[in-house]
Each structure stands twice: as C-alpha cells, then as structure tokens.
Amino acid sequence: MELEITTERADGVCMMSLSGEVDVYTAPRLKESLIEQIESGCARIIVDLEGVGFIDSSGLGVLVGGLRRAKERDGTIRLVCTRDNILKIFRITGLDKVFAIFPEAGEAREF
C-alpha cells in the first residue's frame, strides 16, 4: 500500500497528514518530508496518523529521528491519533512517553 503525505503550514506550525501504511518501503518518503519541513524553518510539526492503518519499526524510527532533528531547532513533533492499533504500538514501545499524542489536531496545535 502507498503512503500519501499532505502538508500545510499555518502560524509557524506544519501539519502533515498521513494516509496509508508507514513501513520499510514508505518510511524514506516520510523521512524526506519531515527533513524538508524542518530544514525550511518549520520545527513545530503535527503529524496526523488518523489515516494510517499500519506503522512498523522503520516508521517509528523516522518519527524519532524527526523529533530529534526538530528539538535541535527548539521545535517538537506532536502526533494526532485515535486508532487503537497504532496507539498500541506506541504504548508497547514506550514512545507514548516520548511523543505528545492528541485525539484531534485542534488540541495538538496549542503549543
């Protein structure tokens, strides 16, 4: 399955909405997108995972790497997710303690 990434920027916050699967094949596209946003001056990023049906360790690694890069520029990455199967992966790996995860984008925008 493919990964679709749409990005919008408003008030210094970049919103990236993902749709599809984030796996070993699609994670490089996500990494490229995250780096592009951060390098272009947007270090406050919201990644909306509502359209993601599956994420593997390579996808998690890309998100962690993006968070590290954003923090180097005094930014952060926040996640939007209510899907139980995706949230379970974040809980199992302990990444729910690393990322701020919100049920809706409006809450995540309040930096």
N, C-alpha and C. Protein backbone atom coordinates (compact mmCIF):
# COMPACT_ATOMS: atom_id res chain seq x y z
N MET A 1 0.84 -1.18 0.00
CA MET A 1 0.00 0.00 0.00
C MET A 1 0.89 1.25 0.00
N GLU A 2 0.42 2.28 -0.61
CA GLU A 2 1.15 3.53 -0.71
C GLU A 2 0.96 4.38 0.55
N LEU A 3 1.79 5.39 0.65
CA LEU A 3 1.67 6.38 1.71
C LEU A 3 1.46 7.73 1.05
N GLU A 4 0.38 8.39 1.41
CA GLU A 4 0.12 9.74 0.93
C GLU A 4 0.43 10.71 2.05
N ILE A 5 1.13 11.78 1.71
CA ILE A 5 1.51 12.80 2.69
C ILE A 5 1.04 14.16 2.17
N THR A 6 0.19 14.81 2.95
CA THR A 6 -0.20 16.17 2.60
C THR A 6 0.30 17.08 3.71
N THR A 7 0.78 18.25 3.32
CA THR A 7 1.37 19.17 4.27
C THR A 7 0.76 20.55 4.11
N GLU A 8 0.47 21.17 5.23
CA GLU A 8 0.02 22.56 5.21
C GLU A 8 0.72 23.29 6.35
N ARG A 9 0.95 24.57 6.13
CA ARG A 9 1.67 25.38 7.11
C ARG A 9 0.81 26.58 7.48
N ALA A 10 0.67 26.82 8.77
CA ALA A 10 -0.09 27.97 9.25
C ALA A 10 0.41 28.38 10.62
N ASP A 11 0.63 29.66 10.80
CA ASP A 11 1.05 30.22 12.09
C ASP A 11 2.30 29.53 12.65
N GLY A 12 3.25 29.20 11.80
CA GLY A 12 4.50 28.61 12.26
C GLY A 12 4.42 27.14 12.62
N VAL A 13 3.29 26.52 12.32
CA VAL A 13 3.10 25.09 12.60
C VAL A 13 2.87 24.36 11.28
N CYS A 14 3.58 23.26 11.10
CA CYS A 14 3.38 22.43 9.91
C CYS A 14 2.52 21.23 10.29
N MET A 15 1.47 21.02 9.53
CA MET A 15 0.57 19.88 9.74
C MET A 15 0.82 18.89 8.61
N MET A 16 1.24 17.69 8.97
CA MET A 16 1.45 16.63 7.99
C MET A 16 0.40 15.55 8.23
N SER A 17 -0.44 15.32 7.23
CA SER A 17 -1.46 14.28 7.33
C SER A 17 -1.02 13.09 6.52
N LEU A 18 -0.98 11.93 7.17
CA LEU A 18 -0.54 10.71 6.51
C LEU A 18 -1.72 9.80 6.26
N SER A 19 -1.67 9.10 5.13
CA SER A 19 -2.72 8.16 4.78
C SER A 19 -2.07 6.96 4.11
N GLY A 20 -2.35 5.77 4.64
CA GLY A 20 -1.78 4.55 4.08
C GLY A 20 -0.99 3.80 5.13
N GLU A 21 0.14 3.23 4.71
CA GLU A 21 0.99 2.46 5.61
C GLU A 21 2.37 3.09 5.69
N VAL A 22 2.92 3.11 6.90
CA VAL A 22 4.28 3.59 7.10
C VAL A 22 5.13 2.36 7.43
N ASP A 23 5.88 1.91 6.43
CA ASP A 23 6.68 0.71 6.60
C ASP A 23 8.06 0.91 5.97
N VAL A 24 8.80 -0.16 5.88
CA VAL A 24 10.17 -0.08 5.36
C VAL A 24 10.22 0.51 3.95
N TYR A 25 9.16 0.36 3.18
CA TYR A 25 9.13 0.87 1.81
C TYR A 25 8.74 2.34 1.74
N THR A 26 7.86 2.78 2.64
CA THR A 26 7.35 4.15 2.57
C THR A 26 8.01 5.10 3.57
N ALA A 27 8.69 4.55 4.57
CA ALA A 27 9.33 5.39 5.60
C ALA A 27 10.33 6.40 5.01
N PRO A 28 11.09 6.04 3.97
CA PRO A 28 12.01 7.05 3.40
C PRO A 28 11.30 8.30 2.88
N ARG A 29 10.10 8.15 2.34
CA ARG A 29 9.33 9.32 1.88
C ARG A 29 8.92 10.20 3.06
N LEU A 30 8.52 9.55 4.16
CA LEU A 30 8.15 10.30 5.36
C LEU A 30 9.38 11.04 5.90
N LYS A 31 10.52 10.36 5.95
CA LYS A 31 11.75 10.98 6.42
C LYS A 31 12.09 12.20 5.58
N GLU A 32 12.02 12.05 4.28
CA GLU A 32 12.32 13.15 3.36
C GLU A 32 11.39 14.34 3.62
N SER A 33 10.12 14.06 3.81
CA SER A 33 9.13 15.11 4.06
C SER A 33 9.40 15.83 5.38
N LEU A 34 9.69 15.05 6.43
CA LEU A 34 9.97 15.66 7.73
C LEU A 34 11.22 16.55 7.65
N ILE A 35 12.27 16.04 7.04
CA ILE A 35 13.51 16.82 6.92
C ILE A 35 13.26 18.09 6.13
N GLU A 36 12.50 17.97 5.06
CA GLU A 36 12.18 19.14 4.23
C GLU A 36 11.47 20.21 5.04
N GLN A 37 10.49 19.80 5.85
CA GLN A 37 9.75 20.77 6.67
C GLN A 37 10.67 21.44 7.69
N ILE A 38 11.48 20.63 8.37
CA ILE A 38 12.35 21.16 9.41
C ILE A 38 13.42 22.08 8.81
N GLU A 39 14.02 21.64 7.72
CA GLU A 39 15.08 22.43 7.08
C GLU A 39 14.53 23.75 6.50
N SER A 40 13.26 23.77 6.17
CA SER A 40 12.68 25.00 5.63
C SER A 40 12.19 25.94 6.73
N GLY A 41 12.52 25.60 7.98
CA GLY A 41 12.22 26.52 9.08
C GLY A 41 11.00 26.19 9.90
N CYS A 42 10.39 25.07 9.67
CA CYS A 42 9.20 24.68 10.44
C CYS A 42 9.58 23.55 11.39
N ALA A 43 9.90 23.90 12.63
CA ALA A 43 10.33 22.89 13.60
C ALA A 43 9.20 22.46 14.53
N ARG A 44 8.06 23.11 14.41
CA ARG A 44 6.87 22.68 15.19
C ARG A 44 5.96 21.95 14.22
N ILE A 45 5.92 20.63 14.38
CA ILE A 45 5.23 19.79 13.41
C ILE A 45 4.17 18.94 14.11
N ILE A 46 3.03 18.84 13.46
CA ILE A 46 1.98 17.93 13.90
C ILE A 46 1.86 16.86 12.82
N VAL A 47 1.97 15.61 13.22
CA VAL A 47 1.81 14.51 12.28
C VAL A 47 0.49 13.82 12.60
N ASP A 48 -0.44 13.90 11.66
CA ASP A 48 -1.77 13.30 11.82
C ASP A 48 -1.72 11.86 11.30
N LEU A 49 -1.88 10.91 12.22
CA LEU A 49 -1.81 9.49 11.88
C LEU A 49 -3.19 8.84 11.73
N GLU A 50 -4.24 9.65 11.68
CA GLU A 50 -5.59 9.10 11.61
C GLU A 50 -5.82 8.25 10.36
N GLY A 51 -5.12 8.54 9.28
CA GLY A 51 -5.29 7.78 8.05
C GLY A 51 -4.32 6.63 7.90
N VAL A 52 -3.53 6.38 8.94
CA VAL A 52 -2.52 5.31 8.88
C VAL A 52 -3.10 4.02 9.42
N GLY A 53 -3.03 2.97 8.61
CA GLY A 53 -3.54 1.67 9.03
C GLY A 53 -2.49 0.78 9.64
N PHE A 54 -1.20 1.09 9.37
CA PHE A 54 -0.10 0.27 9.84
C PHE A 54 1.16 1.10 9.92
N ILE A 55 1.94 0.89 10.98
CA ILE A 55 3.26 1.51 11.10
C ILE A 55 4.20 0.48 11.70
N ASP A 56 5.40 0.37 11.11
CA ASP A 56 6.36 -0.59 11.64
C ASP A 56 7.54 0.16 12.28
N SER A 57 8.55 -0.60 12.68
CA SER A 57 9.68 -0.01 13.40
C SER A 57 10.44 1.01 12.56
N SER A 58 10.47 0.83 11.26
CA SER A 58 11.16 1.82 10.43
C SER A 58 10.40 3.15 10.44
N GLY A 59 9.09 3.09 10.45
CA GLY A 59 8.29 4.31 10.56
C GLY A 59 8.46 4.98 11.91
N LEU A 60 8.50 4.18 12.97
CA LEU A 60 8.72 4.74 14.30
C LEU A 60 10.09 5.40 14.38
N GLY A 61 11.09 4.75 13.77
CA GLY A 61 12.45 5.31 13.75
C GLY A 61 12.51 6.65 13.05
N VAL A 62 11.77 6.78 11.95
CA VAL A 62 11.72 8.05 11.23
C VAL A 62 11.11 9.14 12.10
N LEU A 63 10.04 8.82 12.82
CA LEU A 63 9.41 9.80 13.69
C LEU A 63 10.35 10.23 14.82
N VAL A 64 11.06 9.26 15.41
CA VAL A 64 12.01 9.57 16.49
C VAL A 64 13.15 10.44 15.95
N GLY A 65 13.67 10.10 14.78
CA GLY A 65 14.72 10.89 14.16
C GLY A 65 14.25 12.30 13.85
N GLY A 66 13.03 12.42 13.37
CA GLY A 66 12.45 13.74 13.09
C GLY A 66 12.30 14.56 14.36
N LEU A 67 11.88 13.91 15.43
CA LEU A 67 11.72 14.60 16.71
C LEU A 67 13.07 15.13 17.19
N ARG A 68 14.09 14.32 17.08
CA ARG A 68 15.44 14.75 17.49
C ARG A 68 15.89 15.96 16.67
N ARG A 69 15.67 15.89 15.37
CA ARG A 69 16.06 16.99 14.48
C ARG A 69 15.26 18.26 14.81
N ALA A 70 13.97 18.11 15.07
CA ALA A 70 13.13 19.27 15.42
C ALA A 70 13.58 19.89 16.73
N LYS A 71 13.91 19.05 17.72
CA LYS A 71 14.35 19.56 19.03
C LYS A 71 15.66 20.32 18.91
N GLU A 72 16.52 19.93 17.97
CA GLU A 72 17.77 20.66 17.75
C GLU A 72 17.50 22.10 17.32
N ARG A 73 16.32 22.35 16.80
CA ARG A 73 15.92 23.69 16.36
C ARG A 73 14.83 24.26 17.28
N ASP A 74 14.82 23.80 18.52
CA ASP A 74 13.86 24.24 19.54
C ASP A 74 12.42 23.98 19.13
N GLY A 75 12.19 22.91 18.41
CA GLY A 75 10.84 22.54 17.99
C GLY A 75 10.42 21.22 18.60
N THR A 76 9.38 20.65 18.04
CA THR A 76 8.89 19.35 18.51
C THR A 76 8.00 18.73 17.44
N ILE A 77 7.69 17.49 17.63
CA ILE A 77 6.71 16.80 16.79
C ILE A 77 5.62 16.27 17.71
N ARG A 78 4.40 16.62 17.40
CA ARG A 78 3.24 16.11 18.13
C ARG A 78 2.45 15.22 17.19
N LEU A 79 1.80 14.23 17.76
CA LEU A 79 1.05 13.27 16.95
C LEU A 79 -0.44 13.40 17.23
N VAL A 80 -1.24 13.14 16.18
CA VAL A 80 -2.69 13.05 16.32
C VAL A 80 -3.05 11.62 15.97
N CYS A 81 -3.67 10.92 16.93
CA CYS A 81 -4.04 9.53 16.66
C CYS A 81 -5.08 9.05 17.67
N THR A 82 -6.10 8.38 17.14
CA THR A 82 -7.10 7.73 18.00
C THR A 82 -7.24 6.26 17.64
N ARG A 83 -6.51 5.79 16.63
CA ARG A 83 -6.61 4.41 16.18
C ARG A 83 -5.93 3.48 17.18
N ASP A 84 -6.71 2.54 17.73
CA ASP A 84 -6.21 1.65 18.78
C ASP A 84 -4.98 0.85 18.35
N ASN A 85 -4.99 0.33 17.11
CA ASN A 85 -3.86 -0.50 16.68
C ASN A 85 -2.56 0.30 16.59
N ILE A 86 -2.64 1.57 16.23
CA ILE A 86 -1.45 2.42 16.14
C ILE A 86 -1.04 2.87 17.55
N LEU A 87 -1.99 3.26 18.37
CA LEU A 87 -1.68 3.67 19.74
C LEU A 87 -1.04 2.53 20.52
N LYS A 88 -1.49 1.32 20.28
CA LYS A 88 -0.93 0.14 20.97
C LYS A 88 0.56 0.00 20.67
N ILE A 89 0.96 0.25 19.45
CA ILE A 89 2.38 0.16 19.07
C ILE A 89 3.19 1.22 19.82
N PHE A 90 2.64 2.41 19.95
CA PHE A 90 3.34 3.46 20.69
C PHE A 90 3.44 3.11 22.18
N ARG A 91 2.39 2.50 22.74
CA ARG A 91 2.42 2.10 24.14
C ARG A 91 3.43 0.97 24.37
N ILE A 92 3.41 -0.04 23.51
CA ILE A 92 4.31 -1.20 23.66
C ILE A 92 5.77 -0.76 23.59
N THR A 93 6.09 0.16 22.71
CA THR A 93 7.47 0.60 22.52
C THR A 93 7.89 1.69 23.52
N GLY A 94 6.94 2.21 24.28
CA GLY A 94 7.23 3.28 25.22
C GLY A 94 7.29 4.65 24.56
N LEU A 95 6.99 4.72 23.28
CA LEU A 95 7.05 6.00 22.57
C LEU A 95 5.88 6.92 22.93
N ASP A 96 4.89 6.38 23.61
CA ASP A 96 3.80 7.24 24.08
C ASP A 96 4.30 8.18 25.18
N LYS A 97 5.48 7.88 25.75
CA LYS A 97 6.09 8.75 26.76
C LYS A 97 7.03 9.77 26.09
N VAL A 98 7.40 9.50 24.84
CA VAL A 98 8.32 10.36 24.10
C VAL A 98 7.56 11.42 23.31
N PHE A 99 6.46 11.00 22.70
CA PHE A 99 5.64 11.90 21.87
C PHE A 99 4.40 12.32 22.62
N ALA A 100 4.01 13.59 22.42
CA ALA A 100 2.72 14.04 22.89
C ALA A 100 1.71 13.59 21.83
N ILE A 101 0.71 12.80 22.27
CA ILE A 101 -0.28 12.25 21.34
C ILE A 101 -1.64 12.81 21.70
N PHE A 102 -2.31 13.38 20.70
CA PHE A 102 -3.59 14.05 20.91
C PHE A 102 -4.69 13.38 20.11
N PRO A 103 -5.94 13.46 20.58
CA PRO A 103 -7.06 12.85 19.85
C PRO A 103 -7.52 13.68 18.65
N GLU A 104 -7.16 14.96 18.61
CA GLU A 104 -7.57 15.79 17.46
C GLU A 104 -6.53 16.89 17.21
N ALA A 105 -6.49 17.33 15.99
CA ALA A 105 -5.47 18.31 15.57
C ALA A 105 -5.60 19.63 16.31
N GLY A 106 -6.82 20.04 16.61
CA GLY A 106 -7.03 21.32 17.31
C GLY A 106 -6.29 21.37 18.64
N GLU A 107 -6.32 20.28 19.39
CA GLU A 107 -5.63 20.23 20.67
C GLU A 107 -4.12 20.23 20.48
N ALA A 108 -3.65 19.55 19.45
CA ALA A 108 -2.22 19.44 19.19
C ALA A 108 -1.62 20.78 18.77
N ARG A 109 -2.44 21.67 18.21
CA ARG A 109 -1.94 22.98 17.73
C ARG A 109 -1.59 23.93 18.86
N GLU A 110 -2.05 23.66 20.07
CA GLU A 110 -1.81 24.56 21.20
C GLU A 110 -0.42 24.31 21.78
N PHE A 111 0.60 24.89 21.14
CA PHE A 111 1.99 24.68 21.54
C PHE A 111 2.34 25.49 22.76
